[in-house]
Amino acid sequence: MPAKLTSLEKELEIALEDYNMIGRSPDSTIRLLDGGVSRQHATIRRDGSLFWISDLGSANGSFVNDVAVSTARALRHGDRVQFGTSSFVFDNDEEGGSGFTVASSTQALHTIALPVKTVKATLLVGDLRNFTAISAQLSAEEVAAMLREWYAQCELVLKSRGAVIDKFIGDGVFAYWHGDAPDIRAKATEAAKILSAAEAANSPKRKWLKENMNLEVFCHIGLHIGDVALGAMGRGMTTAVGEAVNVTFRIESLTRKLQVPVLAGAPFLEGWAEGLSLFQNAGIHPVKGQPDPVEVYSLIDAPTLSL
């Protein structure tokens, strides 16, 4: 049985596709005529056996089991999902045996402790610049087409260089490599350079946007190295968490302030002599959520952006 959303109030069942745009727009995959729902409110995307929900900066937010969706998260059979005032139950009978025990909405959720290990990892966070502003000028179908192209590009560039894509987060991606050897850092740098290059921005959909609507979409990248906890969160899903992950997201956000497309934290270059010729020091900067400022380096031959 395919995964679906079931609206208990309206006795409505909605079969989920591999990519679903939820919103008020007429061309949304799942159209909700709800005043609390934005034109492009959220997405639900299939990745293997899992369905990931992401909020697209909606005015009123998206919620899973009454918790706001701030980053992409995997849905579990029986989860209660809310967009505006519209509530659904996520139904995925294929999910059985994941290591989770799901109870009814009035019962507690019990989980089985699953192994977690701490490893050194090379981290990459990528994000499409101006996505929210640009998506407001596009139809839901055009936004979906752009995201599909972006996801496919990330998978091709990152997986071919040995990266594990942890998750897609709306218009962003978080990936990592096990270890921090020089060859891994070189692959991460190469991936960052390709994803941020002008050639990437000229991929079919983004090229069309530039030529027909004068809209340019570029990718910003944050690179870092640190210890992360790798934990199995269920069948087929392992995610990396830890302070190093948070810092990588903050480094990526610094690219807008410093007007550069690719930034790496200082640990990314420690002990990597060859890397010092590829990056230049971009200073020490305070970042949100960190008590100490972060030293970063910009990729020398990355394209210059007018932000």
Protein backbone atom coordinates (compact mmCIF):
# COMPACT_ATOMS: atom_id res chain seq x y z
CA MET A 1 0.00 0.00 0.00
CA PRO A 2 1.47 3.40 -0.94
CA ALA A 3 2.17 5.97 1.77
CA LYS A 4 -0.64 8.45 2.29
CA LEU A 5 -1.97 11.32 4.36
CA THR A 6 -5.37 10.72 5.93
CA SER A 7 -7.55 13.63 7.03
CA LEU A 8 -9.73 12.37 9.84
CA GLU A 9 -11.97 15.44 9.83
CA LYS A 10 -12.85 15.15 6.13
CA GLU A 11 -12.35 11.38 5.76
CA LEU A 12 -9.96 12.16 2.90
CA GLU A 13 -6.99 10.02 1.83
CA ILE A 14 -4.16 11.50 -0.25
CA ALA A 15 -1.64 9.12 -1.84
CA LEU A 16 1.91 10.50 -1.66
CA GLU A 17 4.15 10.71 -4.71
CA ASP A 18 7.96 10.73 -4.62
CA TYR A 19 7.86 14.53 -4.45
CA ASN A 20 4.89 16.43 -3.03
CA MET A 21 4.43 20.19 -2.87
CA ILE A 22 1.86 21.18 -0.25
CA GLY A 23 0.27 24.61 -0.50
CA ARG A 24 -2.63 26.81 -1.48
CA SER A 25 -1.39 27.30 -5.04
CA PRO A 26 -3.61 25.69 -7.72
CA ASP A 27 -0.68 23.71 -9.12
CA SER A 28 0.47 22.24 -5.78
CA THR A 29 0.74 18.47 -5.68
CA ILE A 30 -1.46 18.60 -2.57
CA ARG A 31 -3.64 21.70 -2.66
CA LEU A 32 -5.12 22.84 0.65
CA LEU A 33 -7.79 25.55 0.54
CA ASP A 34 -6.92 26.72 4.03
CA GLY A 35 -6.36 30.38 4.92
CA GLY A 36 -3.52 29.36 7.22
CA VAL A 37 -1.62 27.60 4.43
CA SER A 38 0.93 29.47 2.28
CA ARG A 39 1.09 29.21 -1.53
CA GLN A 40 4.13 26.97 -1.23
CA HIS A 41 3.90 25.77 2.34
CA ALA A 42 5.92 22.57 2.68
CA THR A 43 7.26 19.55 0.83
CA ILE A 44 7.19 15.82 1.51
CA ARG A 45 9.91 13.96 -0.39
CA ARG A 46 10.55 10.25 -0.64
CA ASP A 47 14.12 9.02 -0.14
CA GLY A 48 14.28 5.24 -0.29
CA SER A 49 11.72 3.88 2.15
CA LEU A 50 11.47 7.15 4.07
CA PHE A 51 9.37 10.28 3.54
CA TRP A 52 10.95 13.58 4.65
CA ILE A 53 8.91 16.68 5.47
CA SER A 54 10.36 20.20 5.11
CA ASP A 55 8.71 23.55 5.76
CA LEU A 56 9.33 26.18 3.04
CA GLY A 57 9.33 29.22 5.29
CA SER A 58 5.53 29.23 5.57
CA ALA A 59 3.82 31.98 7.52
CA ASN A 60 2.17 29.66 10.04
CA GLY A 61 4.59 26.74 10.07
CA SER A 62 4.27 22.98 9.66
CA PHE A 63 3.96 20.62 12.63
CA VAL A 64 4.55 16.95 13.32
CA ASN A 65 2.99 15.68 16.54
CA ASP A 66 2.54 19.32 17.62
CA VAL A 67 6.26 20.07 17.18
CA ALA A 68 7.23 22.74 14.63
CA VAL A 69 9.25 21.51 11.65
CA SER A 70 12.45 23.59 11.70
CA THR A 71 14.64 21.20 9.69
CA ALA A 72 13.80 18.24 7.48
CA ARG A 73 12.61 15.23 9.46
CA ALA A 74 11.52 11.74 8.54
CA LEU A 75 7.87 10.90 9.01
CA ARG A 76 6.85 7.79 10.91
CA HIS A 77 3.72 5.69 10.50
CA GLY A 78 1.07 7.26 12.72
CA ASP A 79 2.62 10.75 12.90
CA ARG A 80 0.13 13.63 13.07
CA VAL A 81 0.97 16.31 10.50
CA GLN A 82 -0.53 19.81 10.45
CA PHE A 83 -0.45 22.60 7.85
CA GLY A 84 -2.46 25.67 8.91
CA THR A 85 -5.65 24.25 10.40
CA SER A 86 -5.51 21.12 8.21
CA SER A 87 -4.49 17.99 10.13
CA PHE A 88 -3.52 14.57 8.77
CA VAL A 89 -2.18 11.23 9.92
CA PHE A 90 0.81 9.85 8.01
CA ASP A 91 0.15 6.26 6.97
CA ASN A 92 3.00 4.07 5.69
CA ASP A 93 2.38 0.37 6.28
CA GLU A 94 5.65 -0.50 4.50
CA GLU A 95 7.56 0.94 7.44
CA GLY A 96 7.13 -2.02 9.77
CA GLY A 97 10.16 -3.37 11.57
CA SER A 98 12.00 -0.06 11.79
CA GLY A 99 12.85 -0.40 15.46
CA PHE A 100 10.07 1.98 16.53
CA THR A 101 6.85 1.10 18.33
CA VAL A 102 4.12 3.51 17.26
CA ALA A 103 1.06 3.91 19.49
CA SER A 104 -2.21 5.68 18.94
CA SER A 105 -2.32 9.47 19.18
CA THR A 106 -3.41 9.24 22.83
CA GLN A 107 -0.62 6.89 23.86
CA ALA A 108 3.08 7.41 24.51
CA LEU A 109 5.62 6.68 21.76
CA HIS A 110 8.12 4.05 22.88
CA THR A 111 11.44 3.61 21.10
CA ILE A 112 14.11 0.95 21.28
CA ALA A 113 17.60 2.20 22.07
CA LEU A 114 19.70 1.99 18.92
CA PRO A 115 23.52 2.17 18.71
CA VAL A 116 25.24 5.54 18.39
CA LYS A 117 28.93 6.06 17.70
CA THR A 118 31.12 9.16 17.60
CA VAL A 119 33.37 9.56 14.55
CA LYS A 120 35.47 12.23 12.91
CA ALA A 121 33.70 13.51 9.80
CA THR A 122 34.11 16.01 6.99
CA LEU A 123 30.90 18.05 6.74
CA LEU A 124 29.22 20.00 3.93
CA VAL A 125 26.13 22.20 4.05
CA GLY A 126 24.77 23.69 0.83
CA ASP A 127 21.95 26.18 0.40
CA LEU A 128 20.32 27.95 -2.54
CA ARG A 129 20.63 31.73 -2.22
CA ASN A 130 17.43 33.81 -2.49
CA PHE A 131 15.30 30.68 -2.76
CA THR A 132 12.44 31.99 -0.60
CA ALA A 133 12.19 35.31 -2.47
CA ILE A 134 12.47 33.62 -5.86
CA SER A 135 9.95 30.86 -5.08
CA ALA A 136 7.37 33.52 -4.23
CA GLN A 137 7.50 34.58 -7.90
CA LEU A 138 7.07 31.05 -9.26
CA SER A 139 4.28 28.53 -9.43
CA ALA A 140 4.43 25.50 -7.16
CA GLU A 141 5.19 23.37 -10.23
CA GLU A 142 8.17 25.59 -11.15
CA VAL A 143 9.48 25.50 -7.56
CA ALA A 144 9.16 21.72 -7.52
CA ALA A 145 11.00 21.45 -10.85
CA MET A 146 13.84 23.62 -9.56
CA LEU A 147 14.17 21.58 -6.35
CA ARG A 148 14.08 18.27 -8.22
CA GLU A 149 16.90 19.49 -10.45
CA TRP A 150 18.86 20.75 -7.43
CA TYR A 151 18.44 17.46 -5.52
CA ALA A 152 19.52 15.43 -8.55
CA GLN A 153 22.57 17.66 -9.04
CA CYS A 154 23.56 17.29 -5.38
CA GLU A 155 23.19 13.51 -5.51
CA LEU A 156 25.32 13.27 -8.66
CA VAL A 157 28.11 15.55 -7.41
CA LEU A 158 28.23 14.39 -3.79
CA LYS A 159 27.63 10.65 -4.06
CA SER A 160 30.11 10.28 -6.92
CA ARG A 161 32.73 11.70 -4.53
CA GLY A 162 31.93 9.33 -1.72
CA ALA A 163 29.72 11.58 0.41
CA VAL A 164 26.74 10.41 2.43
CA ILE A 165 23.76 12.71 1.92
CA ASP A 166 22.26 12.94 5.40
CA LYS A 167 19.22 14.94 4.36
CA PHE A 168 17.74 17.55 2.07
CA ILE A 169 16.26 20.50 3.96
CA GLY A 170 13.92 22.35 1.62
CA ASP A 171 16.40 24.27 -0.55
CA GLY A 172 19.46 22.93 1.29
CA VAL A 173 21.53 19.79 1.65
CA PHE A 174 23.59 18.34 4.49
CA ALA A 175 26.21 15.70 3.62
CA TYR A 176 29.26 14.17 5.24
CA TRP A 177 32.25 11.93 4.64
CA HIS A 178 33.56 9.43 7.19
CA GLY A 179 36.99 10.63 8.24
CA ASP A 180 39.11 13.69 7.51
CA ALA A 181 41.99 12.40 5.37
CA PRO A 182 43.47 14.82 2.81
CA ASP A 183 41.83 13.00 -0.11
CA ILE A 184 38.43 13.35 1.58
CA ARG A 185 38.96 17.08 2.08
CA ALA A 186 39.99 17.37 -1.57
CA LYS A 187 36.78 15.61 -2.66
CA ALA A 188 34.68 17.87 -0.43
CA THR A 189 36.41 20.96 -1.85
CA GLU A 190 35.86 19.72 -5.39
CA ALA A 191 32.17 19.09 -4.68
CA ALA A 192 31.79 22.58 -3.18
CA LYS A 193 33.48 24.16 -6.18
CA ILE A 194 31.23 22.34 -8.65
CA LEU A 195 27.98 23.06 -6.81
CA SER A 196 28.82 26.77 -6.47
CA ALA A 197 30.15 27.20 -10.01
CA ALA A 198 28.49 29.32 -12.66
CA GLU A 199 28.04 26.18 -14.75
CA ALA A 200 25.83 24.72 -12.02
CA ALA A 201 23.72 27.87 -12.01
CA ASN A 202 23.20 27.37 -15.74
CA SER A 203 21.55 23.98 -15.31
CA PRO A 204 18.36 23.76 -17.43
CA LYS A 205 15.78 25.09 -14.97
CA ARG A 206 17.97 27.81 -13.47
CA LYS A 207 19.14 28.83 -16.93
CA TRP A 208 15.47 29.18 -17.97
CA LEU A 209 14.77 31.33 -14.90
CA LYS A 210 17.67 33.61 -15.73
CA GLU A 211 16.77 33.99 -19.41
CA ASN A 212 13.00 34.34 -19.00
CA MET A 213 12.52 35.91 -15.56
CA ASN A 214 15.94 37.46 -14.83
CA LEU A 215 16.15 35.37 -11.65
CA GLU A 216 19.51 33.92 -10.62
CA VAL A 217 19.85 31.07 -8.14
CA PHE A 218 23.29 30.31 -6.72
CA CYS A 219 24.52 27.77 -4.19
CA HIS A 220 26.39 28.68 -1.00
CA ILE A 221 28.55 26.07 0.73
CA GLY A 222 29.90 25.65 4.27
CA LEU A 223 32.69 23.11 4.97
CA HIS A 224 33.92 21.91 8.34
CA ILE A 225 35.50 18.99 10.20
CA GLY A 226 34.57 17.68 13.64
CA ASP A 227 33.31 14.86 15.79
CA VAL A 228 29.73 13.81 15.11
CA ALA A 229 27.44 11.21 16.62
CA LEU A 230 26.15 8.80 13.99
CA GLY A 231 22.94 7.19 15.14
CA ALA A 232 20.53 4.74 13.56
CA MET A 233 17.10 6.35 13.80
CA GLY A 234 15.22 3.48 12.21
CA ARG A 235 15.36 1.17 9.23
CA GLY A 236 17.46 2.63 6.47
CA MET A 237 18.14 5.96 8.20
CA THR A 238 21.33 7.09 9.91
CA THR A 239 21.85 10.74 10.77
CA ALA A 240 24.81 12.79 12.02
CA VAL A 241 24.33 15.15 14.96
CA GLY A 242 26.57 17.22 17.19
CA GLU A 243 28.05 20.66 17.70
CA ALA A 244 30.25 20.33 14.61
CA VAL A 245 27.10 19.95 12.50
CA ASN A 246 25.63 23.12 14.01
CA VAL A 247 28.86 25.03 13.34
CA THR A 248 28.85 23.90 9.70
CA PHE A 249 25.37 25.36 9.22
CA ARG A 250 26.56 28.62 10.82
CA ILE A 251 29.61 28.73 8.55
CA GLU A 252 27.35 28.39 5.52
CA SER A 253 25.23 31.29 6.78
CA LEU A 254 28.38 33.46 6.98
CA THR A 255 28.78 33.25 3.20
CA ARG A 256 26.06 35.88 2.80
CA LYS A 257 27.68 38.29 5.23
CA LEU A 258 31.12 37.89 3.65
CA GLN A 259 29.76 37.77 0.08
CA VAL A 260 31.57 34.58 -0.89
CA PRO A 261 30.05 31.31 -2.09
CA VAL A 262 32.27 28.82 -0.23
CA LEU A 263 33.63 29.04 3.32
CA ALA A 264 35.52 26.46 5.37
CA GLY A 265 36.11 26.38 9.12
CA ALA A 266 39.73 26.45 10.31
CA PRO A 267 39.72 22.72 11.28
CA PHE A 268 39.05 21.90 7.62
CA LEU A 269 42.56 23.15 6.75
CA GLU A 270 44.48 22.00 9.81
CA GLY A 271 47.18 19.50 8.81
CA TRP A 272 46.31 19.78 5.11
CA ALA A 273 49.19 21.65 3.47
CA GLU A 274 47.79 21.39 -0.05
CA GLY A 275 44.54 22.95 1.07
CA LEU A 276 46.26 26.16 2.15
CA SER A 277 46.85 26.98 -1.53
CA LEU A 278 43.13 26.62 -2.30
CA PHE A 279 41.73 28.84 0.45
CA GLN A 280 42.47 32.25 1.89
CA ASN A 281 41.81 33.52 5.38
CA ALA A 282 38.49 35.36 5.68
CA GLY A 283 38.81 36.37 9.33
CA ILE A 284 37.29 35.47 12.67
CA HIS A 285 33.57 36.08 13.03
CA PRO A 286 30.90 35.61 15.72
CA VAL A 287 28.15 33.17 14.77
CA LYS A 288 24.75 32.61 16.27
CA GLY A 289 24.58 30.00 19.00
CA GLN A 290 28.35 29.79 19.55
CA PRO A 291 30.10 31.35 22.56
CA ASP A 292 33.36 31.82 20.64
CA PRO A 293 33.89 33.37 17.20
CA VAL A 294 34.74 31.09 14.29
CA GLU A 295 37.74 31.43 11.98
CA VAL A 296 36.88 30.79 8.34
CA TYR A 297 38.61 30.53 4.98
CA SER A 298 37.14 31.28 1.54
CA LEU A 299 37.75 29.19 -1.56
CA ILE A 300 40.10 31.23 -3.76
CA ASP A 301 38.89 30.31 -7.25
CA ALA A 302 35.18 30.12 -6.42
CA PRO A 303 32.96 32.48 -8.43
CA THR A 304 32.48 36.01 -7.14
CA LEU A 305 28.87 36.77 -6.25
CA SER A 306 27.04 40.08 -6.18
CA LEU A 307 24.85 39.68 -3.10
